[in-house]
């Protein structure tokens, strides 16, 4: 999990965009749940699961890019090279 003391400030527009994506993903997951409850065909459910996975991956890509440009670059500018280890660890998790 993330460190308890670190925070990333986001402007209202960025928060709005991220939360909009999260709400769409939540809707996809709720749709999958409903499909299971209604005994929909496995193939149809699997297609929706893949769509939800792609949506999550897209959100992760946005967050990863923002993290590098905002958080990592600022820390490196301040001389905090420990974030390079954090970035390497995150990259490994991201690509598992």
PDB file of N, CA and C in Angstrom:
ATOM      1  N   UNK A   1       0.838  -1.175   0.000  1.00  0.00           N
ATOM      2  CA  UNK A   1       0.000   0.000   0.000  1.00  0.00           C
ATOM      3  C   UNK A   1       0.883   1.238   0.000  1.00  0.00           C
ATOM      4  N   UNK A   2       0.305   2.402  -0.138  1.00  0.00           N
ATOM      5  CA  UNK A   2       1.074   3.630  -0.213  1.00  0.00           C
ATOM      6  C   UNK A   2       1.521   4.082   1.175  1.00  0.00           C
ATOM      7  N   UNK A   3       2.483   4.988   1.169  1.00  0.00           N
ATOM      8  CA  UNK A   3       2.977   5.528   2.431  1.00  0.00           C
ATOM      9  C   UNK A   3       1.939   6.478   3.007  1.00  0.00           C
ATOM     10  N   UNK A   4       1.789   6.465   4.314  1.00  0.00           N
ATOM     11  CA  UNK A   4       0.698   7.196   4.961  1.00  0.00           C
ATOM     12  C   UNK A   4       0.874   8.707   4.922  1.00  0.00           C
ATOM     13  N   UNK A   5       2.062   9.178   4.840  1.00  0.00           N
ATOM     14  CA  UNK A   5       2.298  10.610   4.998  1.00  0.00           C
ATOM     15  C   UNK A   5       2.400  11.362   3.679  1.00  0.00           C
ATOM     16  N   UNK A   6       2.583  10.690   2.592  1.00  0.00           N
ATOM     17  CA  UNK A   6       2.707  11.354   1.301  1.00  0.00           C
ATOM     18  C   UNK A   6       1.337  11.650   0.729  1.00  0.00           C
ATOM     19  N   UNK A   7       1.237  12.790   0.085  1.00  0.00           N
ATOM     20  CA  UNK A   7      -0.007  13.187  -0.569  1.00  0.00           C
ATOM     21  C   UNK A   7       0.337  13.792  -1.918  1.00  0.00           C
ATOM     22  N   UNK A   8      -0.615  13.744  -2.829  1.00  0.00           N
ATOM     23  CA  UNK A   8      -0.471  14.395  -4.123  1.00  0.00           C
ATOM     24  C   UNK A   8      -1.635  15.352  -4.291  1.00  0.00           C
ATOM     25  N   UNK A   9      -1.310  16.613  -4.431  1.00  0.00           N
ATOM     26  CA  UNK A   9      -2.362  17.605  -4.650  1.00  0.00           C
ATOM     27  C   UNK A   9      -2.755  17.593  -6.117  1.00  0.00           C
ATOM     28  N   UNK A  10      -4.048  17.528  -6.350  1.00  0.00           N
ATOM     29  CA  UNK A  10      -4.585  17.546  -7.705  1.00  0.00           C
ATOM     30  C   UNK A  10      -5.562  18.701  -7.821  1.00  0.00           C
ATOM     31  N   UNK A  11      -5.566  19.340  -8.978  1.00  0.00           N
ATOM     32  CA  UNK A  11      -6.523  20.427  -9.155  1.00  0.00           C
ATOM     33  C   UNK A  11      -7.918  19.842  -9.383  1.00  0.00           C
ATOM     34  N   UNK A  12      -8.909  20.687  -9.303  1.00  0.00           N
ATOM     35  CA  UNK A  12     -10.299  20.225  -9.397  1.00  0.00           C
ATOM     36  C   UNK A  12     -10.599  19.555 -10.723  1.00  0.00           C
ATOM     37  N   UNK A  13     -10.033  20.056 -11.819  1.00  0.00           N
ATOM     38  CA  UNK A  13     -10.289  19.462 -13.136  1.00  0.00           C
ATOM     39  C   UNK A  13      -9.714  18.052 -13.220  1.00  0.00           C
ATOM     40  N   UNK A  14      -8.498  17.878 -12.697  1.00  0.00           N
ATOM     41  CA  UNK A  14      -7.887  16.545 -12.704  1.00  0.00           C
ATOM     42  C   UNK A  14      -8.687  15.573 -11.848  1.00  0.00           C
ATOM     43  N   UNK A  15      -9.090  16.017 -10.663  1.00  0.00           N
ATOM     44  CA  UNK A  15      -9.916  15.168  -9.796  1.00  0.00           C
ATOM     45  C   UNK A  15     -11.210  14.784 -10.502  1.00  0.00           C
ATOM     46  N   UNK A  16     -11.824  15.755 -11.157  1.00  0.00           N
ATOM     47  CA  UNK A  16     -13.082  15.506 -11.856  1.00  0.00           C
ATOM     48  C   UNK A  16     -12.902  14.444 -12.934  1.00  0.00           C
ATOM     49  N   UNK A  17     -11.822  14.545 -13.714  1.00  0.00           N
ATOM     50  CA  UNK A  17     -11.563  13.573 -14.770  1.00  0.00           C
ATOM     51  C   UNK A  17     -11.290  12.181 -14.204  1.00  0.00           C
ATOM     52  N   UNK A  18     -10.483  12.109 -13.155  1.00  0.00           N
ATOM     53  CA  UNK A  18     -10.162  10.811 -12.551  1.00  0.00           C
ATOM     54  C   UNK A  18     -11.397  10.174 -11.929  1.00  0.00           C
ATOM     55  N   UNK A  19     -12.165  10.967 -11.216  1.00  0.00           N
ATOM     56  CA  UNK A  19     -13.373  10.445 -10.581  1.00  0.00           C
ATOM     57  C   UNK A  19     -14.412  10.017 -11.617  1.00  0.00           C
ATOM     58  N   UNK A  20     -14.470  10.717 -12.736  1.00  0.00           N
ATOM     59  CA  UNK A  20     -15.377  10.325 -13.818  1.00  0.00           C
ATOM     60  C   UNK A  20     -14.997   8.951 -14.351  1.00  0.00           C
ATOM     61  N   UNK A  21     -13.700   8.714 -14.519  1.00  0.00           N
ATOM     62  CA  UNK A  21     -13.230   7.399 -14.974  1.00  0.00           C
ATOM     63  C   UNK A  21     -13.565   6.320 -13.943  1.00  0.00           C
ATOM     64  N   UNK A  22     -13.332   6.637 -12.674  1.00  0.00           N
ATOM     65  CA  UNK A  22     -13.639   5.682 -11.594  1.00  0.00           C
ATOM     66  C   UNK A  22     -15.129   5.351 -11.588  1.00  0.00           C
ATOM     67  N   UNK A  23     -15.958   6.351 -11.764  1.00  0.00           N
ATOM     68  CA  UNK A  23     -17.408   6.112 -11.786  1.00  0.00           C
ATOM     69  C   UNK A  23     -17.810   5.225 -12.947  1.00  0.00           C
ATOM     70  N   UNK A  24     -17.167   5.412 -14.121  1.00  0.00           N
ATOM     71  CA  UNK A  24     -17.460   4.544 -15.261  1.00  0.00           C
ATOM     72  C   UNK A  24     -17.024   3.111 -14.971  1.00  0.00           C
ATOM     73  N   UNK A  25     -15.855   2.959 -14.369  1.00  0.00           N
ATOM     74  CA  UNK A  25     -15.359   1.623 -14.025  1.00  0.00           C
ATOM     75  C   UNK A  25     -16.292   0.960 -13.013  1.00  0.00           C
ATOM     76  N   UNK A  26     -16.711   1.736 -12.034  1.00  0.00           N
ATOM     77  CA  UNK A  26     -17.646   1.215 -11.037  1.00  0.00           C
ATOM     78  C   UNK A  26     -18.947   0.754 -11.710  1.00  0.00           C
ATOM     79  N   UNK A  27     -19.405   1.525 -12.677  1.00  0.00           N
ATOM     80  CA  UNK A  27     -20.600   1.139 -13.426  1.00  0.00           C
ATOM     81  C   UNK A  27     -20.387  -0.159 -14.199  1.00  0.00           C
ATOM     82  N   UNK A  28     -19.183  -0.304 -14.773  1.00  0.00           N
ATOM     83  CA  UNK A  28     -18.874  -1.544 -15.494  1.00  0.00           C
ATOM     84  C   UNK A  28     -18.907  -2.739 -14.539  1.00  0.00           C
ATOM     85  N   UNK A  29     -18.297  -2.583 -13.375  1.00  0.00           N
ATOM     86  CA  UNK A  29     -18.243  -3.679 -12.403  1.00  0.00           C
ATOM     87  C   UNK A  29     -19.649  -4.012 -11.906  1.00  0.00           C
ATOM     88  N   UNK A  30     -20.434  -2.993 -11.645  1.00  0.00           N
ATOM     89  CA  UNK A  30     -21.822  -3.245 -11.219  1.00  0.00           C
ATOM     90  C   UNK A  30     -22.612  -3.940 -12.322  1.00  0.00           C
ATOM     91  N   UNK A  31     -22.328  -3.588 -13.579  1.00  0.00           N
ATOM     92  CA  UNK A  31     -22.977  -4.257 -14.705  1.00  0.00           C
ATOM     93  C   UNK A  31     -22.602  -5.730 -14.779  1.00  0.00           C
ATOM     94  N   UNK A  32     -21.327  -6.023 -14.510  1.00  0.00           N
ATOM     95  CA  UNK A  32     -20.871  -7.415 -14.492  1.00  0.00           C
ATOM     96  C   UNK A  32     -21.582  -8.185 -13.378  1.00  0.00           C
ATOM     97  N   UNK A  33     -21.696  -7.553 -12.224  1.00  0.00           N
ATOM     98  CA  UNK A  33     -22.392  -8.193 -11.103  1.00  0.00           C
ATOM     99  C   UNK A  33     -23.834  -8.524 -11.484  1.00  0.00           C
ATOM    100  N   UNK A  34     -24.486  -7.573 -12.116  1.00  0.00           N
ATOM    101  CA  UNK A  34     -25.876  -7.785 -12.528  1.00  0.00           C
ATOM    102  C   UNK A  34     -25.972  -8.913 -13.559  1.00  0.00           C
ATOM    103  N   UNK A  35     -25.011  -8.950 -14.476  1.00  0.00           N
ATOM    104  CA  UNK A  35     -25.010 -10.016 -15.485  1.00  0.00           C
ATOM    105  C   UNK A  35     -24.889 -11.386 -14.826  1.00  0.00           C
ATOM    106  N   UNK A  36     -24.058 -11.485 -13.803  1.00  0.00           N
ATOM    107  CA  UNK A  36     -23.900 -12.752 -13.075  1.00  0.00           C
ATOM    108  C   UNK A  36     -25.193 -13.108 -12.359  1.00  0.00           C
ATOM    109  N   UNK A  37     -25.788 -12.110 -11.696  1.00  0.00           N
ATOM    110  CA  UNK A  37     -27.042 -12.340 -10.981  1.00  0.00           C
ATOM    111  C   UNK A  37     -28.150 -12.802 -11.925  1.00  0.00           C
ATOM    112  N   UNK A  38     -28.106 -12.312 -13.162  1.00  0.00           N
ATOM    113  CA  UNK A  38     -29.145 -12.655 -14.142  1.00  0.00           C
ATOM    114  C   UNK A  38     -28.774 -13.863 -14.998  1.00  0.00           C
ATOM    115  N   UNK A  39     -27.697 -14.560 -14.603  1.00  0.00           N
ATOM    116  CA  UNK A  39     -27.263 -15.766 -15.314  1.00  0.00           C
ATOM    117  C   UNK A  39     -26.974 -15.525 -16.795  1.00  0.00           C
ATOM    118  N   UNK A  40     -26.381 -14.389 -17.107  1.00  0.00           N
ATOM    119  CA  UNK A  40     -26.003 -14.124 -18.493  1.00  0.00           C
ATOM    120  C   UNK A  40     -24.946 -15.120 -18.954  1.00  0.00           C
ATOM    121  N   UNK A  41     -24.818 -15.234 -20.247  1.00  0.00           N
ATOM    122  CA  UNK A  41     -23.886 -16.151 -20.889  1.00  0.00           C
ATOM    123  C   UNK A  41     -22.443 -15.793 -20.503  1.00  0.00           C
ATOM    124  N   UNK A  42     -21.649 -16.825 -20.176  1.00  0.00           N
ATOM    125  CA  UNK A  42     -20.260 -16.633 -19.718  1.00  0.00           C
ATOM    126  C   UNK A  42     -19.458 -15.751 -20.668  1.00  0.00           C
ATOM    127  N   UNK A  43     -19.569 -16.016 -21.949  1.00  0.00           N
ATOM    128  CA  UNK A  43     -18.812 -15.260 -22.942  1.00  0.00           C
ATOM    129  C   UNK A  43     -19.106 -13.765 -22.839  1.00  0.00           C
ATOM    130  N   UNK A  44     -20.369 -13.417 -22.675  1.00  0.00           N
ATOM    131  CA  UNK A  44     -20.756 -12.011 -22.570  1.00  0.00           C
ATOM    132  C   UNK A  44     -20.172 -11.366 -21.307  1.00  0.00           C
ATOM    133  N   UNK A  45     -20.176 -12.104 -20.219  1.00  0.00           N
ATOM    134  CA  UNK A  45     -19.611 -11.599 -18.970  1.00  0.00           C
ATOM    135  C   UNK A  45     -18.103 -11.419 -19.106  1.00  0.00           C
ATOM    136  N   UNK A  46     -17.444 -12.390 -19.714  1.00  0.00           N
ATOM    137  CA  UNK A  46     -15.994 -12.298 -19.896  1.00  0.00           C
ATOM    138  C   UNK A  46     -15.606 -11.094 -20.749  1.00  0.00           C
ATOM    139  N   UNK A  47     -16.386 -10.812 -21.762  1.00  0.00           N
ATOM    140  CA  UNK A  47     -16.128  -9.630 -22.601  1.00  0.00           C
ATOM    141  C   UNK A  47     -16.209  -8.358 -21.761  1.00  0.00           C
ATOM    142  N   UNK A  48     -17.183  -8.305 -20.875  1.00  0.00           N
ATOM    143  CA  UNK A  48     -17.322  -7.122 -20.022  1.00  0.00           C
ATOM    144  C   UNK A  48     -16.195  -7.035 -18.987  1.00  0.00           C
ATOM    145  N   UNK A  49     -15.729  -8.165 -18.507  1.00  0.00           N
ATOM    146  CA  UNK A  49     -14.601  -8.181 -17.568  1.00  0.00           C
ATOM    147  C   UNK A  49     -13.356  -7.631 -18.252  1.00  0.00           C
ATOM    148  N   UNK A  50     -13.110  -8.050 -19.476  1.00  0.00           N
ATOM    149  CA  UNK A  50     -11.951  -7.549 -20.220  1.00  0.00           C
ATOM    150  C   UNK A  50     -12.076  -6.038 -20.443  1.00  0.00           C
ATOM    151  N   UNK A  51     -13.268  -5.573 -20.746  1.00  0.00           N
ATOM    152  CA  UNK A  51     -13.483  -4.135 -20.928  1.00  0.00           C
ATOM    153  C   UNK A  51     -13.177  -3.371 -19.634  1.00  0.00           C
ATOM    154  N   UNK A  52     -13.607  -3.908 -18.501  1.00  0.00           N
ATOM    155  CA  UNK A  52     -13.335  -3.273 -17.208  1.00  0.00           C
ATOM    156  C   UNK A  52     -11.841  -3.275 -16.912  1.00  0.00           C
ATOM    157  N   UNK A  53     -11.161  -4.375 -17.232  1.00  0.00           N
ATOM    158  CA  UNK A  53      -9.707  -4.446 -17.035  1.00  0.00           C
ATOM    159  C   UNK A  53      -8.999  -3.381 -17.867  1.00  0.00           C
ATOM    160  N   UNK A  54      -9.428  -3.206 -19.107  1.00  0.00           N
ATOM    161  CA  UNK A  54      -8.820  -2.192 -19.973  1.00  0.00           C
ATOM    162  C   UNK A  54      -9.068  -0.792 -19.427  1.00  0.00           C
ATOM    163  N   UNK A  55     -10.243  -0.574 -18.881  1.00  0.00           N
ATOM    164  CA  UNK A  55     -10.548   0.730 -18.285  1.00  0.00           C
ATOM    165  C   UNK A  55      -9.646   1.001 -17.079  1.00  0.00           C
ATOM    166  N   UNK A  56      -9.449  -0.018 -16.247  1.00  0.00           N
ATOM    167  CA  UNK A  56      -8.553   0.130 -15.102  1.00  0.00           C
ATOM    168  C   UNK A  56      -7.118   0.366 -15.547  1.00  0.00           C
ATOM    169  N   UNK A  57      -6.688  -0.342 -16.564  1.00  0.00           N
ATOM    170  CA  UNK A  57      -5.337  -0.172 -17.088  1.00  0.00           C
ATOM    171  C   UNK A  57      -5.146   1.236 -17.640  1.00  0.00           C
ATOM    172  N   UNK A  58      -6.146   1.744 -18.309  1.00  0.00           N
ATOM    173  CA  UNK A  58      -6.086   3.101 -18.840  1.00  0.00           C
ATOM    174  C   UNK A  58      -5.956   4.125 -17.703  1.00  0.00           C
ATOM    175  N   UNK A  59      -6.734   3.936 -16.650  1.00  0.00           N
ATOM    176  CA  UNK A  59      -6.639   4.806 -15.481  1.00  0.00           C
ATOM    177  C   UNK A  59      -5.254   4.698 -14.847  1.00  0.00           C
ATOM    178  N   UNK A  60      -4.739   3.488 -14.739  1.00  0.00           N
ATOM    179  CA  UNK A  60      -3.403   3.286 -14.174  1.00  0.00           C
ATOM    180  C   UNK A  60      -2.343   3.994 -15.012  1.00  0.00           C
ATOM    181  N   UNK A  61      -2.475   3.941 -16.327  1.00  0.00           N
ATOM    182  CA  UNK A  61      -1.526   4.626 -17.204  1.00  0.00           C
ATOM    183  C   UNK A  61      -1.529   6.135 -16.969  1.00  0.00           C
ATOM    184  N   UNK A  62      -2.703   6.697 -16.822  1.00  0.00           N
ATOM    185  CA  UNK A  62      -2.822   8.135 -16.554  1.00  0.00           C
ATOM    186  C   UNK A  62      -2.172   8.474 -15.213  1.00  0.00           C
ATOM    187  N   UNK A  63      -2.497   7.680 -14.189  1.00  0.00           N
ATOM    188  CA  UNK A  63      -1.943   7.927 -12.860  1.00  0.00           C
ATOM    189  C   UNK A  63      -0.413   7.767 -12.866  1.00  0.00           C
ATOM    190  N   UNK A  64       0.082   6.759 -13.569  1.00  0.00           N
ATOM    191  CA  UNK A  64       1.513   6.501 -13.646  1.00  0.00           C
ATOM    192  C   UNK A  64       2.227   7.674 -14.315  1.00  0.00           C
ATOM    193  N   UNK A  65       1.688   8.133 -15.421  1.00  0.00           N
ATOM    194  CA  UNK A  65       2.280   9.273 -16.131  1.00  0.00           C
ATOM    195  C   UNK A  65       2.274  10.524 -15.256  1.00  0.00           C
ATOM    196  N   UNK A  66       1.139  10.805 -14.633  1.00  0.00           N
ATOM    197  CA  UNK A  66       1.050  11.972 -13.747  1.00  0.00           C
ATOM    198  C   UNK A  66       2.043  11.861 -12.593  1.00  0.00           C
ATOM    199  N   UNK A  67       2.192  10.658 -12.063  1.00  0.00           N
ATOM    200  CA  UNK A  67       3.116  10.442 -10.944  1.00  0.00           C
ATOM    201  C   UNK A  67       4.549  10.758 -11.358  1.00  0.00           C
ATOM    202  N   UNK A  68       4.931  10.319 -12.537  1.00  0.00           N
ATOM    203  CA  UNK A  68       6.293  10.583 -13.003  1.00  0.00           C
ATOM    204  C   UNK A  68       6.507  12.081 -13.215  1.00  0.00           C
ATOM    205  N   UNK A  69       5.604  12.719 -13.933  1.00  0.00           N
ATOM    206  CA  UNK A  69       5.765  14.140 -14.235  1.00  0.00           C
ATOM    207  C   UNK A  69       5.652  15.034 -13.004  1.00  0.00           C
ATOM    208  N   UNK A  70       4.764  14.686 -12.095  1.00  0.00           N
ATOM    209  CA  UNK A  70       4.526  15.554 -10.955  1.00  0.00           C
ATOM    210  C   UNK A  70       5.391  15.166  -9.761  1.00  0.00           C
ATOM    211  N   UNK A  71       5.189  13.996  -9.240  1.00  0.00           N
ATOM    212  CA  UNK A  71       5.804  13.599  -7.971  1.00  0.00           C
ATOM    213  C   UNK A  71       7.287  13.255  -8.117  1.00  0.00           C
ATOM    214  N   UNK A  72       7.580  12.360  -9.028  1.00  0.00           N
ATOM    215  CA  UNK A  72       8.955  11.889  -9.172  1.00  0.00           C
ATOM    216  C   UNK A  72       9.873  13.025  -9.601  1.00  0.00           C
ATOM    217  N   UNK A  73       9.466  13.787 -10.611  1.00  0.00           N
ATOM    218  CA  UNK A  73      10.339  14.858 -11.104  1.00  0.00           C
ATOM    219  C   UNK A  73      10.598  15.919 -10.031  1.00  0.00           C
ATOM    220  N   UNK A  74       9.575  16.246  -9.240  1.00  0.00           N
ATOM    221  CA  UNK A  74       9.771  17.236  -8.162  1.00  0.00           C
ATOM    222  C   UNK A  74      10.752  16.721  -7.115  1.00  0.00           C
ATOM    223  N   UNK A  75      10.603  15.452  -6.741  1.00  0.00           N
ATOM    224  CA  UNK A  75      11.511  14.883  -5.746  1.00  0.00           C
ATOM    225  C   UNK A  75      12.945  14.832  -6.251  1.00  0.00           C
ATOM    226  N   UNK A  76      13.120  14.497  -7.512  1.00  0.00           N
ATOM    227  CA  UNK A  76      14.477  14.456  -8.082  1.00  0.00           C
ATOM    228  C   UNK A  76      15.066  15.861  -8.112  1.00  0.00           C
ATOM    229  N   UNK A  77      14.259  16.851  -8.487  1.00  0.00           N
ATOM    230  CA  UNK A  77      14.728  18.243  -8.486  1.00  0.00           C
ATOM    231  C   UNK A  77      15.179  18.670  -7.094  1.00  0.00           C
ATOM    232  N   UNK A  78      14.522  18.138  -6.063  1.00  0.00           N
ATOM    233  CA  UNK A  78      14.873  18.458  -4.678  1.00  0.00           C
ATOM    234  C   UNK A  78      16.047  17.626  -4.171  1.00  0.00           C
ATOM    235  N   UNK A  79      16.551  16.728  -5.023  1.00  0.00           N
ATOM    236  CA  UNK A  79      17.689  15.897  -4.633  1.00  0.00           C
ATOM    237  C   UNK A  79      17.317  14.605  -3.947  1.00  0.00           C
ATOM    238  N   UNK A  80      16.044  14.286  -3.897  1.00  0.00           N
ATOM    239  CA  UNK A  80      15.589  13.043  -3.270  1.00  0.00           C
ATOM    240  C   UNK A  80      15.654  11.916  -4.290  1.00  0.00           C
ATOM    241  N   UNK A  81      16.785  11.237  -4.321  1.00  0.00           N
ATOM    242  CA  UNK A  81      16.985  10.177  -5.306  1.00  0.00           C
ATOM    243  C   UNK A  81      16.356   8.855  -4.868  1.00  0.00           C
ATOM    244  N   UNK A  82      15.842   8.771  -3.633  1.00  0.00           N
ATOM    245  CA  UNK A  82      15.156   7.561  -3.172  1.00  0.00           C
ATOM    246  C   UNK A  82      13.928   7.269  -4.023  1.00  0.00           C
ATOM    247  N   UNK A  83      13.370   8.304  -4.640  1.00  0.00           N
ATOM    248  CA  UNK A  83      12.174   8.099  -5.454  1.00  0.00           C
ATOM    249  C   UNK A  83      12.475   7.269  -6.698  1.00  0.00           C
ATOM    250  N   UNK A  84      13.732   7.204  -7.079  1.00  0.00           N
ATOM    251  CA  UNK A  84      14.090   6.361  -8.218  1.00  0.00           C
ATOM    252  C   UNK A  84      13.824   4.895  -7.862  1.00  0.00           C
ATOM    253  N   UNK A  85      14.189   4.504  -6.641  1.00  0.00           N
ATOM    254  CA  UNK A  85      13.883   3.144  -6.184  1.00  0.00           C
ATOM    255  C   UNK A  85      12.373   2.912  -6.141  1.00  0.00           C
ATOM    256  N   UNK A  86      11.643   3.918  -5.664  1.00  0.00           N
ATOM    257  CA  UNK A  86      10.180   3.836  -5.625  1.00  0.00           C
ATOM    258  C   UNK A  86       9.626   3.647  -7.032  1.00  0.00           C
ATOM    259  N   UNK A  87      10.165   4.395  -7.981  1.00  0.00           N
ATOM    260  CA  UNK A  87       9.704   4.311  -9.357  1.00  0.00           C
ATOM    261  C   UNK A  87      10.014   2.941  -9.964  1.00  0.00           C
ATOM    262  N   UNK A  88      11.197   2.427  -9.699  1.00  0.00           N
ATOM    263  CA  UNK A  88      11.565   1.104 -10.209  1.00  0.00           C
ATOM    264  C   UNK A  88      10.637   0.039  -9.637  1.00  0.00           C
ATOM    265  N   UNK A  89      10.382   0.110  -8.332  1.00  0.00           N
ATOM    266  CA  UNK A  89       9.472  -0.839  -7.688  1.00  0.00           C
ATOM    267  C   UNK A  89       8.067  -0.741  -8.285  1.00  0.00           C
ATOM    268  N   UNK A  90       7.599   0.475  -8.468  1.00  0.00           N
ATOM    269  CA  UNK A  90       6.286   0.694  -9.045  1.00  0.00           C
ATOM    270  C   UNK A  90       6.228   0.174 -10.477  1.00  0.00           C
ATOM    271  N   UNK A  91       7.279   0.417 -11.239  1.00  0.00           N
ATOM    272  CA  UNK A  91       7.324  -0.056 -12.617  1.00  0.00           C
ATOM    273  C   UNK A  91       7.241  -1.574 -12.674  1.00  0.00           C
ATOM    274  N   UNK A  92       7.944  -2.253 -11.763  1.00  0.00           N
ATOM    275  CA  UNK A  92       7.897  -3.714 -11.724  1.00  0.00           C
ATOM    276  C   UNK A  92       6.480  -4.206 -11.414  1.00  0.00           C
ATOM    277  N   UNK A  93       5.824  -3.576 -10.454  1.00  0.00           N
ATOM    278  CA  UNK A  93       4.439  -3.964 -10.121  1.00  0.00           C
ATOM    279  C   UNK A  93       3.499  -3.679 -11.287  1.00  0.00           C
ATOM    280  N   UNK A  94       3.721  -2.560 -11.902  1.00  0.00           N
ATOM    281  CA  UNK A  94       2.874  -2.107 -13.009  1.00  0.00           C
ATOM    282  C   UNK A  94       2.924  -3.078 -14.168  1.00  0.00           C
ATOM    283  N   UNK A  95       4.056  -3.719 -14.348  1.00  0.00           N
ATOM    284  CA  UNK A  95       4.246  -4.605 -15.503  1.00  0.00           C
ATOM    285  C   UNK A  95       4.103  -6.077 -15.163  1.00  0.00           C
ATOM    286  N   UNK A  96       3.650  -6.402 -13.987  1.00  0.00           N
ATOM    287  CA  UNK A  96       3.409  -7.820 -13.636  1.00  0.00           C
ATOM    288  C   UNK A  96       2.191  -8.343 -14.344  1.00  0.00           C
TER     289      UNK A  96
END
